[in-house]
């Protein structure tokens, strides 16, 4: 697991000030800038392997502890859709976005199973329909015939949608649940500042190889999140308008949610590859 980010706000402010100064100093667009402008939209299929765990505390008690894949058979490998886009406003400045949705289901028979303070003799089920999306501003530090380096500054949003249901003989912290049903849901939208860098290298006239590193850390109300994301990609532009994109990615998040007397700790990660098609306007 990547190390936790120490004092990320300091780096966020430094890069924000630098980019703001560069934007203010930018001169009027030149004819070359006009030629560099482009708008790209794409759609991709992503195949990822997930690893997730959840701890739910209530009033300082011992937690309900859940491993989504091992305990519930939550789908470990999932094919998901991804939308992405970018707009190069000028030679130096650009905007980007990405939307990634997850839909996983899992259930298991439990024979006197303990999940921390939750004991179940029956059926347990867990669903994960979370979404991850970001929007960013990019500033080009360097660009020539062989390399392109950009700084990224934006907002990364984790839209978590998890639901747990246990049915049968259910005991919570030593107390039987009369109805025989225990339900717990985690639905939280957590926006956090993102800082990162993106690199592209030109392998040929049509092929570019790239890498992106991004860090997210922040607190929003009762939520806090620390995220590390990286990907390595290749883009082949087989015509003036169309391009193929493929790559591998890595994602790891530590999320804390505090509501009234309850605290939920989530460790959420995935890695895999993606393949897509984009269109340039």
C-alpha atoms as a PDB file:
ATOM      1  CA  UNK A   1       0.000   0.000   0.000  1.00  0.00           C
ATOM      2  CA  UNK A   2       1.427   3.461  -0.849  1.00  0.00           C
ATOM      3  CA  UNK A   3       2.481   5.558   2.161  1.00  0.00           C
ATOM      4  CA  UNK A   4      -0.006   8.083   3.488  1.00  0.00           C
ATOM      5  CA  UNK A   5       0.462  11.581   2.107  1.00  0.00           C
ATOM      6  CA  UNK A   6       1.877  13.965   4.711  1.00  0.00           C
ATOM      7  CA  UNK A   7       0.573  17.549   4.725  1.00  0.00           C
ATOM      8  CA  UNK A   8      -0.735  17.402   1.115  1.00  0.00           C
ATOM      9  CA  UNK A   9      -2.387  20.830   1.365  1.00  0.00           C
ATOM     10  CA  UNK A  10       1.048  22.482   1.303  1.00  0.00           C
ATOM     11  CA  UNK A  11       1.878  20.942  -2.103  1.00  0.00           C
ATOM     12  CA  UNK A  12      -1.607  21.690  -3.400  1.00  0.00           C
ATOM     13  CA  UNK A  13      -1.225  25.399  -2.533  1.00  0.00           C
ATOM     14  CA  UNK A  14       2.300  25.638  -4.009  1.00  0.00           C
ATOM     15  CA  UNK A  15       1.219  24.156  -7.349  1.00  0.00           C
ATOM     16  CA  UNK A  16      -1.993  26.218  -7.380  1.00  0.00           C
ATOM     17  CA  UNK A  17      -0.017  29.461  -6.893  1.00  0.00           C
ATOM     18  CA  UNK A  18       2.456  28.525  -9.610  1.00  0.00           C
ATOM     19  CA  UNK A  19      -0.244  27.617 -12.118  1.00  0.00           C
ATOM     20  CA  UNK A  20      -2.202  30.779 -11.312  1.00  0.00           C
ATOM     21  CA  UNK A  21       0.911  32.897 -11.917  1.00  0.00           C
ATOM     22  CA  UNK A  22       1.582  31.143 -15.225  1.00  0.00           C
ATOM     23  CA  UNK A  23      -2.030  31.600 -16.311  1.00  0.00           C
ATOM     24  CA  UNK A  24      -1.912  35.306 -15.469  1.00  0.00           C
ATOM     25  CA  UNK A  25       1.357  35.724 -17.378  1.00  0.00           C
ATOM     26  CA  UNK A  26       0.084  33.901 -20.459  1.00  0.00           C
ATOM     27  CA  UNK A  27       0.018  36.194 -23.485  1.00  0.00           C
ATOM     28  CA  UNK A  28      -2.762  36.378 -26.057  1.00  0.00           C
ATOM     29  CA  UNK A  29      -3.203  33.262 -28.223  1.00  0.00           C
ATOM     30  CA  UNK A  30      -0.889  33.018 -31.205  1.00  0.00           C
ATOM     31  CA  UNK A  31      -1.698  31.324 -34.514  1.00  0.00           C
ATOM     32  CA  UNK A  32       0.296  28.291 -33.251  1.00  0.00           C
ATOM     33  CA  UNK A  33      -1.930  28.143 -30.152  1.00  0.00           C
ATOM     34  CA  UNK A  34      -5.001  28.039 -32.361  1.00  0.00           C
ATOM     35  CA  UNK A  35      -3.583  25.058 -34.240  1.00  0.00           C
ATOM     36  CA  UNK A  36      -2.858  23.262 -30.943  1.00  0.00           C
ATOM     37  CA  UNK A  37      -6.431  23.453 -29.671  1.00  0.00           C
ATOM     38  CA  UNK A  38      -8.384  20.200 -29.676  1.00  0.00           C
ATOM     39  CA  UNK A  39     -11.393  18.613 -27.987  1.00  0.00           C
ATOM     40  CA  UNK A  40     -11.325  14.853 -27.322  1.00  0.00           C
ATOM     41  CA  UNK A  41     -14.056  12.530 -26.004  1.00  0.00           C
ATOM     42  CA  UNK A  42     -13.692   8.798 -25.508  1.00  0.00           C
ATOM     43  CA  UNK A  43     -15.241   5.639 -24.102  1.00  0.00           C
ATOM     44  CA  UNK A  44     -13.341   2.659 -22.744  1.00  0.00           C
ATOM     45  CA  UNK A  45     -13.857  -0.770 -21.197  1.00  0.00           C
ATOM     46  CA  UNK A  46     -11.879  -1.398 -18.022  1.00  0.00           C
ATOM     47  CA  UNK A  47     -11.127  -4.839 -16.541  1.00  0.00           C
ATOM     48  CA  UNK A  48     -10.062  -4.522 -12.901  1.00  0.00           C
ATOM     49  CA  UNK A  49      -9.241  -6.740  -9.939  1.00  0.00           C
ATOM     50  CA  UNK A  50     -10.598  -5.339  -6.662  1.00  0.00           C
ATOM     51  CA  UNK A  51      -9.599  -5.586  -3.023  1.00  0.00           C
ATOM     52  CA  UNK A  52     -11.797  -3.939  -0.391  1.00  0.00           C
ATOM     53  CA  UNK A  53     -12.333  -4.021   3.375  1.00  0.00           C
ATOM     54  CA  UNK A  54     -14.668  -2.141   5.713  1.00  0.00           C
ATOM     55  CA  UNK A  55     -14.676  -1.487   9.472  1.00  0.00           C
ATOM     56  CA  UNK A  56     -17.820  -0.004  11.044  1.00  0.00           C
ATOM     57  CA  UNK A  57     -17.536   1.329  14.624  1.00  0.00           C
ATOM     58  CA  UNK A  58     -20.431   2.507  16.790  1.00  0.00           C
ATOM     59  CA  UNK A  59     -19.921   4.483  20.031  1.00  0.00           C
ATOM     60  CA  UNK A  60     -16.395   3.228  20.519  1.00  0.00           C
ATOM     61  CA  UNK A  61     -17.353  -0.456  20.374  1.00  0.00           C
ATOM     62  CA  UNK A  62     -15.441  -3.163  18.539  1.00  0.00           C
ATOM     63  CA  UNK A  63     -15.986  -2.937  14.756  1.00  0.00           C
ATOM     64  CA  UNK A  64     -18.027  -4.883  12.291  1.00  0.00           C
ATOM     65  CA  UNK A  65     -15.218  -6.117  10.039  1.00  0.00           C
ATOM     66  CA  UNK A  66     -15.881  -7.041   6.408  1.00  0.00           C
ATOM     67  CA  UNK A  67     -13.624  -8.239   3.617  1.00  0.00           C
ATOM     68  CA  UNK A  68     -15.780  -7.774   0.541  1.00  0.00           C
ATOM     69  CA  UNK A  69     -14.125 -10.376  -1.687  1.00  0.00           C
ATOM     70  CA  UNK A  70     -13.183 -13.094   0.857  1.00  0.00           C
ATOM     71  CA  UNK A  71     -16.232 -12.915   3.151  1.00  0.00           C
ATOM     72  CA  UNK A  72     -19.008 -12.258   0.639  1.00  0.00           C
ATOM     73  CA  UNK A  73     -17.702 -13.445  -2.699  1.00  0.00           C
ATOM     74  CA  UNK A  74     -17.996  -9.881  -3.971  1.00  0.00           C
ATOM     75  CA  UNK A  75     -16.931  -9.901  -7.621  1.00  0.00           C
ATOM     76  CA  UNK A  76     -13.153  -9.598  -7.616  1.00  0.00           C
ATOM     77  CA  UNK A  77     -12.699  -9.085 -11.361  1.00  0.00           C
ATOM     78  CA  UNK A  78     -15.164  -6.730 -13.034  1.00  0.00           C
ATOM     79  CA  UNK A  79     -15.593  -5.207 -16.499  1.00  0.00           C
ATOM     80  CA  UNK A  80     -16.694  -1.573 -16.210  1.00  0.00           C
ATOM     81  CA  UNK A  81     -17.355   1.315 -18.554  1.00  0.00           C
ATOM     82  CA  UNK A  82     -15.332   4.528 -18.467  1.00  0.00           C
ATOM     83  CA  UNK A  83     -15.929   7.925 -20.071  1.00  0.00           C
ATOM     84  CA  UNK A  84     -13.147  10.458 -20.487  1.00  0.00           C
ATOM     85  CA  UNK A  85     -12.479  13.716 -22.222  1.00  0.00           C
ATOM     86  CA  UNK A  86     -10.032  16.595 -22.578  1.00  0.00           C
ATOM     87  CA  UNK A  87     -10.049  20.077 -24.035  1.00  0.00           C
ATOM     88  CA  UNK A  88      -6.821  21.837 -24.894  1.00  0.00           C
ATOM     89  CA  UNK A  89      -7.795  25.473 -24.551  1.00  0.00           C
ATOM     90  CA  UNK A  90      -4.423  26.771 -25.753  1.00  0.00           C
ATOM     91  CA  UNK A  91      -0.857  25.611 -26.120  1.00  0.00           C
ATOM     92  CA  UNK A  92      -0.348  25.776 -22.330  1.00  0.00           C
ATOM     93  CA  UNK A  93      -3.762  25.279 -20.738  1.00  0.00           C
ATOM     94  CA  UNK A  94      -6.276  22.445 -20.802  1.00  0.00           C
ATOM     95  CA  UNK A  95      -9.170  20.754 -19.022  1.00  0.00           C
ATOM     96  CA  UNK A  96      -9.829  17.051 -18.421  1.00  0.00           C
ATOM     97  CA  UNK A  97     -12.503  14.757 -16.987  1.00  0.00           C
ATOM     98  CA  UNK A  98     -13.164  11.074 -16.315  1.00  0.00           C
ATOM     99  CA  UNK A  99     -16.128   9.019 -15.053  1.00  0.00           C
ATOM    100  CA  UNK A 100     -15.757   5.441 -13.860  1.00  0.00           C
ATOM    101  CA  UNK A 101     -18.634   3.337 -12.486  1.00  0.00           C
ATOM    102  CA  UNK A 102     -18.574   0.052 -10.569  1.00  0.00           C
ATOM    103  CA  UNK A 103     -21.361  -2.521 -10.200  1.00  0.00           C
ATOM    104  CA  UNK A 104     -20.452  -5.532  -8.039  1.00  0.00           C
ATOM    105  CA  UNK A 105     -22.657  -8.027  -6.224  1.00  0.00           C
ATOM    106  CA  UNK A 106     -21.790 -10.801  -3.801  1.00  0.00           C
ATOM    107  CA  UNK A 107     -23.535 -13.120  -1.333  1.00  0.00           C
ATOM    108  CA  UNK A 108     -22.639 -16.119   0.814  1.00  0.00           C
ATOM    109  CA  UNK A 109     -24.123 -18.654   3.202  1.00  0.00           C
ATOM    110  CA  UNK A 110     -22.952 -17.979   6.751  1.00  0.00           C
ATOM    111  CA  UNK A 111     -22.809 -20.762   9.322  1.00  0.00           C
ATOM    112  CA  UNK A 112     -22.237 -19.093  12.679  1.00  0.00           C
ATOM    113  CA  UNK A 113     -19.862 -16.618  11.036  1.00  0.00           C
ATOM    114  CA  UNK A 114     -18.398 -13.672  12.935  1.00  0.00           C
ATOM    115  CA  UNK A 115     -17.762 -10.331  11.240  1.00  0.00           C
ATOM    116  CA  UNK A 116     -16.334  -8.529  14.249  1.00  0.00           C
ATOM    117  CA  UNK A 117     -19.296  -7.915  16.563  1.00  0.00           C
ATOM    118  CA  UNK A 118     -21.798  -9.151  13.941  1.00  0.00           C
ATOM    119  CA  UNK A 119     -22.618 -12.863  14.113  1.00  0.00           C
ATOM    120  CA  UNK A 120     -24.716 -14.404  11.331  1.00  0.00           C
ATOM    121  CA  UNK A 121     -26.190 -17.862  10.775  1.00  0.00           C
ATOM    122  CA  UNK A 122     -27.988 -17.438   7.458  1.00  0.00           C
ATOM    123  CA  UNK A 123     -27.339 -15.418   4.301  1.00  0.00           C
ATOM    124  CA  UNK A 124     -25.201 -12.288   3.905  1.00  0.00           C
ATOM    125  CA  UNK A 125     -25.051 -10.085   0.811  1.00  0.00           C
ATOM    126  CA  UNK A 126     -22.980  -7.070  -0.175  1.00  0.00           C
ATOM    127  CA  UNK A 127     -23.331  -4.748  -3.174  1.00  0.00           C
ATOM    128  CA  UNK A 128     -20.999  -2.073  -4.491  1.00  0.00           C
ATOM    129  CA  UNK A 129     -22.286   0.496  -6.984  1.00  0.00           C
ATOM    130  CA  UNK A 130     -19.732   3.235  -6.397  1.00  0.00           C
ATOM    131  CA  UNK A 131     -18.667   5.908  -8.872  1.00  0.00           C
ATOM    132  CA  UNK A 132     -15.387   7.759  -9.228  1.00  0.00           C
ATOM    133  CA  UNK A 133     -15.021  10.916 -11.268  1.00  0.00           C
ATOM    134  CA  UNK A 134     -12.711  13.863 -11.549  1.00  0.00           C
ATOM    135  CA  UNK A 135     -12.290  17.162 -13.354  1.00  0.00           C
ATOM    136  CA  UNK A 136      -8.918  18.852 -13.663  1.00  0.00           C
ATOM    137  CA  UNK A 137      -7.050  21.830 -15.061  1.00  0.00           C
ATOM    138  CA  UNK A 138      -3.719  21.047 -16.746  1.00  0.00           C
ATOM    139  CA  UNK A 139      -0.719  23.265 -17.414  1.00  0.00           C
ATOM    140  CA  UNK A 140       1.944  22.249 -19.952  1.00  0.00           C
ATOM    141  CA  UNK A 141       5.429  22.680 -18.496  1.00  0.00           C
ATOM    142  CA  UNK A 142       7.287  21.351 -21.514  1.00  0.00           C
ATOM    143  CA  UNK A 143       6.406  20.273 -25.031  1.00  0.00           C
ATOM    144  CA  UNK A 144       8.580  19.494 -28.025  1.00  0.00           C
ATOM    145  CA  UNK A 145       8.727  16.887 -30.774  1.00  0.00           C
ATOM    146  CA  UNK A 146       9.557  14.081 -28.321  1.00  0.00           C
ATOM    147  CA  UNK A 147       7.988  14.808 -24.907  1.00  0.00           C
ATOM    148  CA  UNK A 148       4.998  16.521 -23.284  1.00  0.00           C
ATOM    149  CA  UNK A 149       4.857  17.191 -19.510  1.00  0.00           C
ATOM    150  CA  UNK A 150       1.747  18.547 -17.765  1.00  0.00           C
ATOM    151  CA  UNK A 151       0.839  19.466 -14.202  1.00  0.00           C
ATOM    152  CA  UNK A 152      -2.671  18.555 -13.019  1.00  0.00           C
ATOM    153  CA  UNK A 153      -4.829  20.373 -10.491  1.00  0.00           C
ATOM    154  CA  UNK A 154      -8.450  19.481  -9.895  1.00  0.00           C
ATOM    155  CA  UNK A 155     -11.203  17.823  -7.892  1.00  0.00           C
ATOM    156  CA  UNK A 156     -11.543  14.054  -7.448  1.00  0.00           C
ATOM    157  CA  UNK A 157     -14.930  12.840  -6.195  1.00  0.00           C
ATOM    158  CA  UNK A 158     -15.604   9.446  -4.623  1.00  0.00           C
ATOM    159  CA  UNK A 159     -19.322   8.631  -4.759  1.00  0.00           C
ATOM    160  CA  UNK A 160     -19.554   5.543  -2.542  1.00  0.00           C
ATOM    161  CA  UNK A 161     -22.656   3.321  -2.634  1.00  0.00           C
ATOM    162  CA  UNK A 162     -22.232   0.153  -0.552  1.00  0.00           C
ATOM    163  CA  UNK A 163     -25.000  -1.959   1.013  1.00  0.00           C
ATOM    164  CA  UNK A 164     -24.783  -4.886   3.464  1.00  0.00           C
ATOM    165  CA  UNK A 165     -27.690  -7.202   4.312  1.00  0.00           C
ATOM    166  CA  UNK A 166     -27.629 -10.130   6.718  1.00  0.00           C
ATOM    167  CA  UNK A 167     -30.693 -12.391   7.112  1.00  0.00           C
ATOM    168  CA  UNK A 168     -31.259 -15.364   9.437  1.00  0.00           C
ATOM    169  CA  UNK A 169     -30.139 -15.702  13.050  1.00  0.00           C
ATOM    170  CA  UNK A 170     -28.377 -12.365  13.478  1.00  0.00           C
ATOM    171  CA  UNK A 171     -26.641 -11.214  16.670  1.00  0.00           C
ATOM    172  CA  UNK A 172     -25.134  -7.731  16.963  1.00  0.00           C
ATOM    173  CA  UNK A 173     -22.691  -7.127  19.837  1.00  0.00           C
ATOM    174  CA  UNK A 174     -24.221  -9.990  21.815  1.00  0.00           C
ATOM    175  CA  UNK A 175     -27.848  -8.898  21.268  1.00  0.00           C
ATOM    176  CA  UNK A 176     -30.114 -10.948  18.949  1.00  0.00           C
ATOM    177  CA  UNK A 177     -31.934  -8.935  16.252  1.00  0.00           C
ATOM    178  CA  UNK A 178     -35.604  -9.929  16.584  1.00  0.00           C
ATOM    179  CA  UNK A 179     -36.494  -9.310  12.932  1.00  0.00           C
ATOM    180  CA  UNK A 180     -33.639 -11.555  11.805  1.00  0.00           C
ATOM    181  CA  UNK A 181     -32.455  -8.870   9.349  1.00  0.00           C
ATOM    182  CA  UNK A 182     -29.518  -6.493   9.695  1.00  0.00           C
ATOM    183  CA  UNK A 183     -28.856  -3.816   7.065  1.00  0.00           C
ATOM    184  CA  UNK A 184     -26.048  -1.304   6.801  1.00  0.00           C
ATOM    185  CA  UNK A 185     -25.529   1.130   3.921  1.00  0.00           C
ATOM    186  CA  UNK A 186     -22.686   3.511   3.095  1.00  0.00           C
ATOM    187  CA  UNK A 187     -23.720   6.262   0.691  1.00  0.00           C
ATOM    188  CA  UNK A 188     -21.327   9.180   0.723  1.00  0.00           C
ATOM    189  CA  UNK A 189     -20.079  11.713  -1.812  1.00  0.00           C
ATOM    190  CA  UNK A 190     -16.555  12.834  -0.960  1.00  0.00           C
ATOM    191  CA  UNK A 191     -14.908  15.592  -3.065  1.00  0.00           C
ATOM    192  CA  UNK A 192     -11.168  16.044  -2.494  1.00  0.00           C
ATOM    193  CA  UNK A 193      -8.441  18.175  -4.128  1.00  0.00           C
ATOM    194  CA  UNK A 194      -6.265  16.354  -6.663  1.00  0.00           C
ATOM    195  CA  UNK A 195      -2.679  17.137  -7.639  1.00  0.00           C
ATOM    196  CA  UNK A 196      -0.627  15.217 -10.171  1.00  0.00           C
ATOM    197  CA  UNK A 197       1.520  15.064 -13.275  1.00  0.00           C
ATOM    198  CA  UNK A 198       1.094  13.567 -16.719  1.00  0.00           C
ATOM    199  CA  UNK A 199       3.843  12.635 -19.172  1.00  0.00           C
ATOM    200  CA  UNK A 200       3.610  11.802 -22.863  1.00  0.00           C
ATOM    201  CA  UNK A 201       6.431  10.632 -25.129  1.00  0.00           C
ATOM    202  CA  UNK A 202       6.138  10.475 -28.909  1.00  0.00           C
ATOM    203  CA  UNK A 203       7.162   7.014 -30.135  1.00  0.00           C
ATOM    204  CA  UNK A 204       6.212   7.736 -33.751  1.00  0.00           C
ATOM    205  CA  UNK A 205       4.063  10.073 -35.796  1.00  0.00           C
ATOM    206  CA  UNK A 206       0.919   8.197 -34.747  1.00  0.00           C
ATOM    207  CA  UNK A 207       1.891   6.547 -31.425  1.00  0.00           C
ATOM    208  CA  UNK A 208       2.297   8.227 -28.019  1.00  0.00           C
ATOM    209  CA  UNK A 209       3.244   6.568 -24.714  1.00  0.00           C
ATOM    210  CA  UNK A 210       2.136   8.146 -21.449  1.00  0.00           C
ATOM    211  CA  UNK A 211       2.071   7.938 -17.664  1.00  0.00           C
ATOM    212  CA  UNK A 212      -0.010   9.727 -15.035  1.00  0.00           C
ATOM    213  CA  UNK A 213       0.456  10.037 -11.267  1.00  0.00           C
ATOM    214  CA  UNK A 214      -2.179  11.664  -9.063  1.00  0.00           C
ATOM    215  CA  UNK A 215      -2.640  12.128  -5.332  1.00  0.00           C
ATOM    216  CA  UNK A 216      -5.818  13.078  -3.528  1.00  0.00           C
ATOM    217  CA  UNK A 217      -6.068  14.042   0.120  1.00  0.00           C
ATOM    218  CA  UNK A 218      -8.661  16.092   1.917  1.00  0.00           C
ATOM    219  CA  UNK A 219     -11.434  16.403   4.471  1.00  0.00           C
ATOM    220  CA  UNK A 220     -14.958  17.410   3.585  1.00  0.00           C
ATOM    221  CA  UNK A 221     -17.411  17.716   6.471  1.00  0.00           C
ATOM    222  CA  UNK A 222     -17.517  14.327   8.188  1.00  0.00           C
ATOM    223  CA  UNK A 223     -15.459  12.647   5.462  1.00  0.00           C
ATOM    224  CA  UNK A 224     -11.760  12.333   4.776  1.00  0.00           C
ATOM    225  CA  UNK A 225      -9.957  10.536   1.956  1.00  0.00           C
ATOM    226  CA  UNK A 226      -6.427   9.759   0.843  1.00  0.00           C
ATOM    227  CA  UNK A 227      -6.006   8.364  -2.667  1.00  0.00           C
ATOM    228  CA  UNK A 228      -3.094   7.370  -4.859  1.00  0.00           C
ATOM    229  CA  UNK A 229      -3.666   6.656  -8.554  1.00  0.00           C
ATOM    230  CA  UNK A 230      -1.288   5.795 -11.391  1.00  0.00           C
ATOM    231  CA  UNK A 231      -1.613   4.580 -14.957  1.00  0.00           C
ATOM    232  CA  UNK A 232       0.586   3.831 -17.957  1.00  0.00           C
ATOM    233  CA  UNK A 233      -1.032   4.167 -21.370  1.00  0.00           C
ATOM    234  CA  UNK A 234      -0.524   4.216 -25.123  1.00  0.00           C
ATOM    235  CA  UNK A 235      -2.534   6.143 -27.724  1.00  0.00           C
ATOM    236  CA  UNK A 236      -2.477   5.315 -31.414  1.00  0.00           C
ATOM    237  CA  UNK A 237      -4.084   7.886 -33.711  1.00  0.00           C
ATOM    238  CA  UNK A 238      -5.015   5.884 -36.789  1.00  0.00           C
ATOM    239  CA  UNK A 239      -6.814   8.791 -38.490  1.00  0.00           C
ATOM    240  CA  UNK A 240      -7.208  12.530 -38.109  1.00  0.00           C
ATOM    241  CA  UNK A 241     -10.292  12.086 -35.905  1.00  0.00           C
ATOM    242  CA  UNK A 242     -10.067   8.653 -34.278  1.00  0.00           C
ATOM    243  CA  UNK A 243      -7.601   7.131 -31.840  1.00  0.00           C
ATOM    244  CA  UNK A 244      -7.181   3.903 -29.881  1.00  0.00           C
ATOM    245  CA  UNK A 245      -6.168   4.022 -26.208  1.00  0.00           C
ATOM    246  CA  UNK A 246      -4.958   1.174 -23.996  1.00  0.00           C
ATOM    247  CA  UNK A 247      -3.197   1.030 -20.648  1.00  0.00           C
ATOM    248  CA  UNK A 248      -2.848  -0.374 -17.130  1.00  0.00           C
ATOM    249  CA  UNK A 249      -3.978   1.385 -13.961  1.00  0.00           C
ATOM    250  CA  UNK A 250      -3.620   1.261 -10.182  1.00  0.00           C
ATOM    251  CA  UNK A 251      -5.878   2.826  -7.544  1.00  0.00           C
ATOM    252  CA  UNK A 252      -5.792   2.790  -3.738  1.00  0.00           C
ATOM    253  CA  UNK A 253      -7.995   4.762  -1.335  1.00  0.00           C
ATOM    254  CA  UNK A 254      -8.273   5.106   2.455  1.00  0.00           C
ATOM    255  CA  UNK A 255     -11.594   6.689   3.429  1.00  0.00           C
ATOM    256  CA  UNK A 256     -12.946   7.614   6.890  1.00  0.00           C
ATOM    257  CA  UNK A 257     -16.622   8.515   7.365  1.00  0.00           C
ATOM    258  CA  UNK A 258     -17.875   9.925  10.679  1.00  0.00           C
ATOM    259  CA  UNK A 259     -21.628  10.253  11.265  1.00  0.00           C
ATOM    260  CA  UNK A 260     -23.029  10.871  14.760  1.00  0.00           C
ATOM    261  CA  UNK A 261     -21.659   8.004  16.904  1.00  0.00           C
ATOM    262  CA  UNK A 262     -20.645   5.817  13.942  1.00  0.00           C
ATOM    263  CA  UNK A 263     -17.293   5.738  12.182  1.00  0.00           C
ATOM    264  CA  UNK A 264     -16.626   3.758   9.003  1.00  0.00           C
ATOM    265  CA  UNK A 265     -13.130   3.015   7.737  1.00  0.00           C
ATOM    266  CA  UNK A 266     -12.804   1.848   4.126  1.00  0.00           C
ATOM    267  CA  UNK A 267      -9.768   0.520   2.295  1.00  0.00           C
ATOM    268  CA  UNK A 268     -10.534   0.271  -1.402  1.00  0.00           C
ATOM    269  CA  UNK A 269      -8.219  -0.634  -4.246  1.00  0.00           C
ATOM    270  CA  UNK A 270      -8.108  -2.020  -7.759  1.00  0.00           C
ATOM    271  CA  UNK A 271      -5.696  -2.620 -10.597  1.00  0.00           C
ATOM    272  CA  UNK A 272      -6.200  -3.752 -14.176  1.00  0.00           C
ATOM    273  CA  UNK A 273      -6.179  -2.628 -17.784  1.00  0.00           C
ATOM    274  CA  UNK A 274      -8.416  -0.675 -20.150  1.00  0.00           C
ATOM    275  CA  UNK A 275      -9.020  -0.327 -23.865  1.00  0.00           C
ATOM    276  CA  UNK A 276     -10.948   2.427 -25.584  1.00  0.00           C
ATOM    277  CA  UNK A 277     -11.719   4.574 -28.601  1.00  0.00           C
ATOM    278  CA  UNK A 278     -11.748   8.369 -28.713  1.00  0.00           C
ATOM    279  CA  UNK A 279     -12.824  11.038 -31.177  1.00  0.00           C
ATOM    280  CA  UNK A 280     -11.068  14.377 -31.755  1.00  0.00           C
ATOM    281  CA  UNK A 281     -13.107  17.417 -32.770  1.00  0.00           C
END
